[in-house]
Amino acid sequence: MIDLKSDPIPTYTRLKQILAPYDPLLTHFTNSETHEGPITIILTGNNPRDLIAREPNRIVACDGTLADLNTNPPPTFIPLISSKWQDTFTWNGNGPIPANERAIMRELASRSHAQHRKLRFWAAPDNPAAWKELHDADVDLINTDHLKECRAFLLHPRP
C-alpha cells in the first residue's frame, strides 16, 4: 500500500514514473482482469480515483471505502475495502464485543468477499481480543503495531 498525502494528480503522475522500471514485477489491472505479479500496489489516502479509473491498463489499484460496497466498482479497480474502526464500531478491545458490532463486522466481511474484495479496519484495537474478533469474522487484513505478538496469536489462536 502506498499512502498518498500530497496533491493527488502530480503525485500519482510522478509515482508512475518512479514505478516504470519495475513494470515487469507489478500486478497489472484492467476493468475486467488482474494479471498478478510479485508486487501489487494499492493506493490509499489522497488518490486520484477518477484519473486511475480512466486508465485501461493500470499498475495500481485503489483502496476502497465501505461506501464502495454499495456502488460495487470493479474489484480490479477496488480490490480492498478499508475503514477506520471508530467510524463503525465503539468496542475498544476490552471486555466482550457487543453482539450487534460482531454481526456488523461479519456482514461487512461477507459483503466484501461476495464482491471479491478484501477487508481491513485501520486504527482498530490492537490486542488479542480484537485480533480474535477480526480473525473469527474473516476480516482479511489485521493492522497491528505488535507484529511478534500478533504473529504468535495467528499461529496459535486461543479459544
C-alpha atoms as a PDB file:
ATOM      1  CA  MET A   1       0.000   0.000   0.000  1.00  0.00           C
ATOM      2  CA  ILE A   2       1.205   3.450  -0.879  1.00  0.00           C
ATOM      3  CA  ASP A   3      -0.452   6.241   1.088  1.00  0.00           C
ATOM      4  CA  LEU A   4      -0.618   9.435  -0.972  1.00  0.00           C
ATOM      5  CA  LYS A   5      -0.541  12.522   1.218  1.00  0.00           C
ATOM      6  CA  SER A   6       0.054  15.320  -1.284  1.00  0.00           C
ATOM      7  CA  ASP A   7      -1.739  16.743  -4.311  1.00  0.00           C
ATOM      8  CA  PRO A   8      -3.088  13.562  -5.956  1.00  0.00           C
ATOM      9  CA  ILE A   9      -2.635  14.143  -9.705  1.00  0.00           C
ATOM     10  CA  PRO A  10       1.011  15.306  -9.762  1.00  0.00           C
ATOM     11  CA  THR A  11       1.895  12.795  -7.049  1.00  0.00           C
ATOM     12  CA  TYR A  12       0.344   9.929  -8.998  1.00  0.00           C
ATOM     13  CA  THR A  13       1.997  11.095 -12.244  1.00  0.00           C
ATOM     14  CA  ARG A  14       5.394  11.104 -10.519  1.00  0.00           C
ATOM     15  CA  LEU A  15       4.717   7.758  -8.823  1.00  0.00           C
ATOM     16  CA  LYS A  16       4.040   6.136 -12.206  1.00  0.00           C
ATOM     17  CA  GLN A  17       7.386   7.451 -13.451  1.00  0.00           C
ATOM     18  CA  ILE A  18       9.164   6.027 -10.418  1.00  0.00           C
ATOM     19  CA  LEU A  19       7.436   2.651 -10.806  1.00  0.00           C
ATOM     20  CA  ALA A  20       8.025   2.348 -14.571  1.00  0.00           C
ATOM     21  CA  PRO A  21      11.349   0.452 -14.274  1.00  0.00           C
ATOM     22  CA  TYR A  22       9.605  -2.129 -12.081  1.00  0.00           C
ATOM     23  CA  ASP A  23       6.744  -2.740 -14.528  1.00  0.00           C
ATOM     24  CA  PRO A  24       7.607  -6.431 -15.157  1.00  0.00           C
ATOM     25  CA  LEU A  25       7.296  -7.094 -11.410  1.00  0.00           C
ATOM     26  CA  LEU A  26       3.986  -5.317 -10.914  1.00  0.00           C
ATOM     27  CA  THR A  27       0.452  -6.617 -10.921  1.00  0.00           C
ATOM     28  CA  HIS A  28      -1.474  -5.143 -13.855  1.00  0.00           C
ATOM     29  CA  PHE A  29      -5.171  -4.321 -13.762  1.00  0.00           C
ATOM     30  CA  THR A  30      -7.821  -3.725 -16.413  1.00  0.00           C
ATOM     31  CA  ASN A  31     -11.516  -3.213 -15.780  1.00  0.00           C
ATOM     32  CA  SER A  32     -12.096  -6.947 -16.086  1.00  0.00           C
ATOM     33  CA  GLU A  33      -8.817  -8.708 -15.296  1.00  0.00           C
ATOM     34  CA  THR A  34      -5.973  -8.816 -12.840  1.00  0.00           C
ATOM     35  CA  HIS A  35      -2.607 -10.121 -14.052  1.00  0.00           C
ATOM     36  CA  GLU A  36      -0.749 -10.801 -10.836  1.00  0.00           C
ATOM     37  CA  GLY A  37       2.892 -10.000 -10.487  1.00  0.00           C
ATOM     38  CA  PRO A  38       5.132 -10.422  -7.459  1.00  0.00           C
ATOM     39  CA  ILE A  39       4.279  -6.880  -6.317  1.00  0.00           C
ATOM     40  CA  THR A  40       0.736  -5.498  -6.084  1.00  0.00           C
ATOM     41  CA  ILE A  41       0.355  -1.792  -5.423  1.00  0.00           C
ATOM     42  CA  ILE A  42      -2.776  -0.405  -3.841  1.00  0.00           C
ATOM     43  CA  LEU A  43      -3.032   3.340  -3.426  1.00  0.00           C
ATOM     44  CA  THR A  44      -4.676   4.734  -0.345  1.00  0.00           C
ATOM     45  CA  GLY A  45      -5.116   8.206   1.032  1.00  0.00           C
ATOM     46  CA  ASN A  46      -5.352  11.099  -1.386  1.00  0.00           C
ATOM     47  CA  ASN A  47      -5.551   9.101  -4.604  1.00  0.00           C
ATOM     48  CA  PRO A  48      -6.945  10.409  -7.910  1.00  0.00           C
ATOM     49  CA  ARG A  49      -9.575   7.699  -8.365  1.00  0.00           C
ATOM     50  CA  ASP A  50     -11.233   9.271 -11.420  1.00  0.00           C
ATOM     51  CA  LEU A  51      -7.923   9.549 -13.268  1.00  0.00           C
ATOM     52  CA  ILE A  52      -6.904   5.993 -12.369  1.00  0.00           C
ATOM     53  CA  ALA A  53     -10.325   4.595 -13.330  1.00  0.00           C
ATOM     54  CA  ARG A  54      -9.940   6.019 -16.850  1.00  0.00           C
ATOM     55  CA  GLU A  55      -6.677   4.143 -17.439  1.00  0.00           C
ATOM     56  CA  PRO A  56      -7.337   0.988 -19.484  1.00  0.00           C
ATOM     57  CA  ASN A  57      -4.212  -0.767 -18.165  1.00  0.00           C
ATOM     58  CA  ARG A  58      -3.150   0.129 -14.636  1.00  0.00           C
ATOM     59  CA  ILE A  59      -0.188  -0.762 -12.443  1.00  0.00           C
ATOM     60  CA  VAL A  60      -2.093   0.254  -9.324  1.00  0.00           C
ATOM     61  CA  ALA A  61      -5.470  -0.376  -7.782  1.00  0.00           C
ATOM     62  CA  CYS A  62      -7.235   1.833  -5.257  1.00  0.00           C
ATOM     63  CA  ASP A  63      -8.148   1.256  -1.656  1.00  0.00           C
ATOM     64  CA  GLY A  64     -11.909   1.474  -1.245  1.00  0.00           C
ATOM     65  CA  THR A  65     -14.285   2.595   1.475  1.00  0.00           C
ATOM     66  CA  LEU A  66     -17.360   0.985   2.956  1.00  0.00           C
ATOM     67  CA  ALA A  67     -19.448   3.129   0.584  1.00  0.00           C
ATOM     68  CA  ASP A  68     -17.889   1.180  -2.312  1.00  0.00           C
ATOM     69  CA  LEU A  69     -19.743  -1.900  -1.088  1.00  0.00           C
ATOM     70  CA  ASN A  70     -22.939  -0.104  -2.158  1.00  0.00           C
ATOM     71  CA  THR A  71     -21.690   1.142  -5.542  1.00  0.00           C
ATOM     72  CA  ASN A  72     -19.763  -2.070  -6.341  1.00  0.00           C
ATOM     73  CA  PRO A  73     -16.985  -0.771  -8.627  1.00  0.00           C
ATOM     74  CA  PRO A  74     -14.941  -3.451 -10.400  1.00  0.00           C
ATOM     75  CA  PRO A  75     -12.825  -5.408  -7.903  1.00  0.00           C
ATOM     76  CA  THR A  76      -9.922  -4.993 -10.315  1.00  0.00           C
ATOM     77  CA  PHE A  77     -10.142  -1.265  -9.541  1.00  0.00           C
ATOM     78  CA  ILE A  78     -11.057  -1.510  -5.836  1.00  0.00           C
ATOM     79  CA  PRO A  79      -9.758  -4.874  -4.550  1.00  0.00           C
ATOM     80  CA  LEU A  80      -9.615  -3.781  -0.914  1.00  0.00           C
ATOM     81  CA  ILE A  81     -12.089  -2.061   1.384  1.00  0.00           C
ATOM     82  CA  SER A  82     -10.543  -0.145   4.278  1.00  0.00           C
ATOM     83  CA  SER A  83     -12.314   1.693   7.027  1.00  0.00           C
ATOM     84  CA  LYS A  84     -11.413   3.470  10.240  1.00  0.00           C
ATOM     85  CA  TRP A  85     -12.561   1.263  13.103  1.00  0.00           C
ATOM     86  CA  GLN A  86     -14.203   4.080  15.073  1.00  0.00           C
ATOM     87  CA  ASP A  87     -16.392   5.053  12.119  1.00  0.00           C
ATOM     88  CA  THR A  88     -18.341   1.801  12.553  1.00  0.00           C
ATOM     89  CA  PHE A  89     -17.575   0.381  15.980  1.00  0.00           C
ATOM     90  CA  THR A  90     -17.499   1.587  19.589  1.00  0.00           C
ATOM     91  CA  TRP A  91     -15.844  -1.501  21.092  1.00  0.00           C
ATOM     92  CA  ASN A  92     -12.307  -0.696  22.274  1.00  0.00           C
ATOM     93  CA  GLY A  93     -10.999  -4.245  22.624  1.00  0.00           C
ATOM     94  CA  ASN A  94     -11.754  -4.531  26.337  1.00  0.00           C
ATOM     95  CA  GLY A  95     -14.464  -6.881  27.537  1.00  0.00           C
ATOM     96  CA  PRO A  96     -16.768  -8.661  25.142  1.00  0.00           C
ATOM     97  CA  ILE A  97     -17.595  -7.099  21.805  1.00  0.00           C
ATOM     98  CA  PRO A  98     -21.272  -6.094  21.584  1.00  0.00           C
ATOM     99  CA  ALA A  99     -23.229  -8.697  19.624  1.00  0.00           C
ATOM    100  CA  ASN A 100     -24.541  -6.126  17.144  1.00  0.00           C
ATOM    101  CA  GLU A 101     -20.988  -4.943  16.359  1.00  0.00           C
ATOM    102  CA  ARG A 102     -19.791  -8.526  15.884  1.00  0.00           C
ATOM    103  CA  ALA A 103     -22.693  -9.048  13.459  1.00  0.00           C
ATOM    104  CA  ILE A 104     -21.842  -5.858  11.546  1.00  0.00           C
ATOM    105  CA  MET A 105     -18.184  -6.892  11.210  1.00  0.00           C
ATOM    106  CA  ARG A 106     -19.143 -10.316   9.885  1.00  0.00           C
ATOM    107  CA  GLU A 107     -21.683  -8.845   7.486  1.00  0.00           C
ATOM    108  CA  LEU A 108     -19.119  -6.378   6.108  1.00  0.00           C
ATOM    109  CA  ALA A 109     -16.598  -9.190   5.612  1.00  0.00           C
ATOM    110  CA  SER A 110     -19.250 -11.296   3.881  1.00  0.00           C
ATOM    111  CA  ARG A 111     -20.283  -8.435   1.572  1.00  0.00           C
ATOM    112  CA  SER A 112     -16.655  -7.667   0.733  1.00  0.00           C
ATOM    113  CA  HIS A 113     -15.933 -11.286  -0.114  1.00  0.00           C
ATOM    114  CA  ALA A 114     -19.110 -11.624  -2.187  1.00  0.00           C
ATOM    115  CA  GLN A 115     -17.734  -8.755  -4.312  1.00  0.00           C
ATOM    116  CA  HIS A 116     -14.269 -10.392  -4.491  1.00  0.00           C
ATOM    117  CA  ARG A 117     -12.642  -7.800  -2.254  1.00  0.00           C
ATOM    118  CA  LYS A 118     -10.547  -7.967   0.890  1.00  0.00           C
ATOM    119  CA  LEU A 119     -11.452  -6.077   4.054  1.00  0.00           C
ATOM    120  CA  ARG A 120      -9.382  -4.287   6.665  1.00  0.00           C
ATOM    121  CA  PHE A 121     -10.043  -1.884   9.501  1.00  0.00           C
ATOM    122  CA  TRP A 122      -7.403   0.617  10.494  1.00  0.00           C
ATOM    123  CA  ALA A 123      -6.999   2.095  13.974  1.00  0.00           C
ATOM    124  CA  ALA A 124      -8.752  -0.987  15.372  1.00  0.00           C
ATOM    125  CA  PRO A 125      -8.000  -2.137  18.908  1.00  0.00           C
ATOM    126  CA  ASP A 126      -4.594  -3.799  18.813  1.00  0.00           C
ATOM    127  CA  ASN A 127      -4.764  -6.692  21.254  1.00  0.00           C
ATOM    128  CA  PRO A 128      -5.514 -10.439  21.216  1.00  0.00           C
ATOM    129  CA  ALA A 129      -9.224  -9.924  21.901  1.00  0.00           C
ATOM    130  CA  ALA A 130      -9.552  -7.699  18.831  1.00  0.00           C
ATOM    131  CA  TRP A 131      -7.361  -9.958  16.681  1.00  0.00           C
ATOM    132  CA  LYS A 132      -9.614 -12.874  17.600  1.00  0.00           C
ATOM    133  CA  GLU A 133     -12.784 -10.998  16.641  1.00  0.00           C
ATOM    134  CA  LEU A 134     -11.265  -9.828  13.355  1.00  0.00           C
ATOM    135  CA  HIS A 135      -9.960 -13.306  12.570  1.00  0.00           C
ATOM    136  CA  ASP A 136     -13.230 -15.008  13.501  1.00  0.00           C
ATOM    137  CA  ALA A 137     -15.181 -12.516  11.353  1.00  0.00           C
ATOM    138  CA  ASP A 138     -12.948 -13.399   8.382  1.00  0.00           C
ATOM    139  CA  VAL A 139     -11.534  -9.879   8.082  1.00  0.00           C
ATOM    140  CA  ASP A 140      -8.646 -10.304   5.664  1.00  0.00           C
ATOM    141  CA  LEU A 141      -6.024  -7.888   6.952  1.00  0.00           C
ATOM    142  CA  ILE A 142      -5.234  -7.098  10.575  1.00  0.00           C
ATOM    143  CA  ASN A 143      -3.342  -3.883  11.228  1.00  0.00           C
ATOM    144  CA  THR A 144      -1.019  -4.122  14.213  1.00  0.00           C
ATOM    145  CA  ASP A 145       1.927  -2.430  15.838  1.00  0.00           C
ATOM    146  CA  HIS A 146       2.637  -5.667  17.743  1.00  0.00           C
ATOM    147  CA  LEU A 147       3.975  -7.852  14.957  1.00  0.00           C
ATOM    148  CA  LYS A 148       5.559 -10.614  17.048  1.00  0.00           C
ATOM    149  CA  GLU A 149       2.576 -10.951  19.353  1.00  0.00           C
ATOM    150  CA  CYS A 150       0.053 -10.913  16.507  1.00  0.00           C
ATOM    151  CA  ARG A 151       2.082 -13.494  14.582  1.00  0.00           C
ATOM    152  CA  ALA A 152       2.173 -15.762  17.631  1.00  0.00           C
ATOM    153  CA  PHE A 153      -1.576 -15.302  18.096  1.00  0.00           C
ATOM    154  CA  LEU A 154      -2.368 -16.124  14.472  1.00  0.00           C
ATOM    155  CA  LEU A 155      -0.125 -19.194  14.500  1.00  0.00           C
ATOM    156  CA  HIS A 156      -1.582 -20.432  17.795  1.00  0.00           C
ATOM    157  CA  PRO A 157      -5.028 -18.850  18.293  1.00  0.00           C
ATOM    158  CA  ARG A 158      -6.507 -19.124  21.750  1.00  0.00           C
ATOM    159  CA  PRO A 159     -10.108 -20.183  22.303  1.00  0.00           C
END
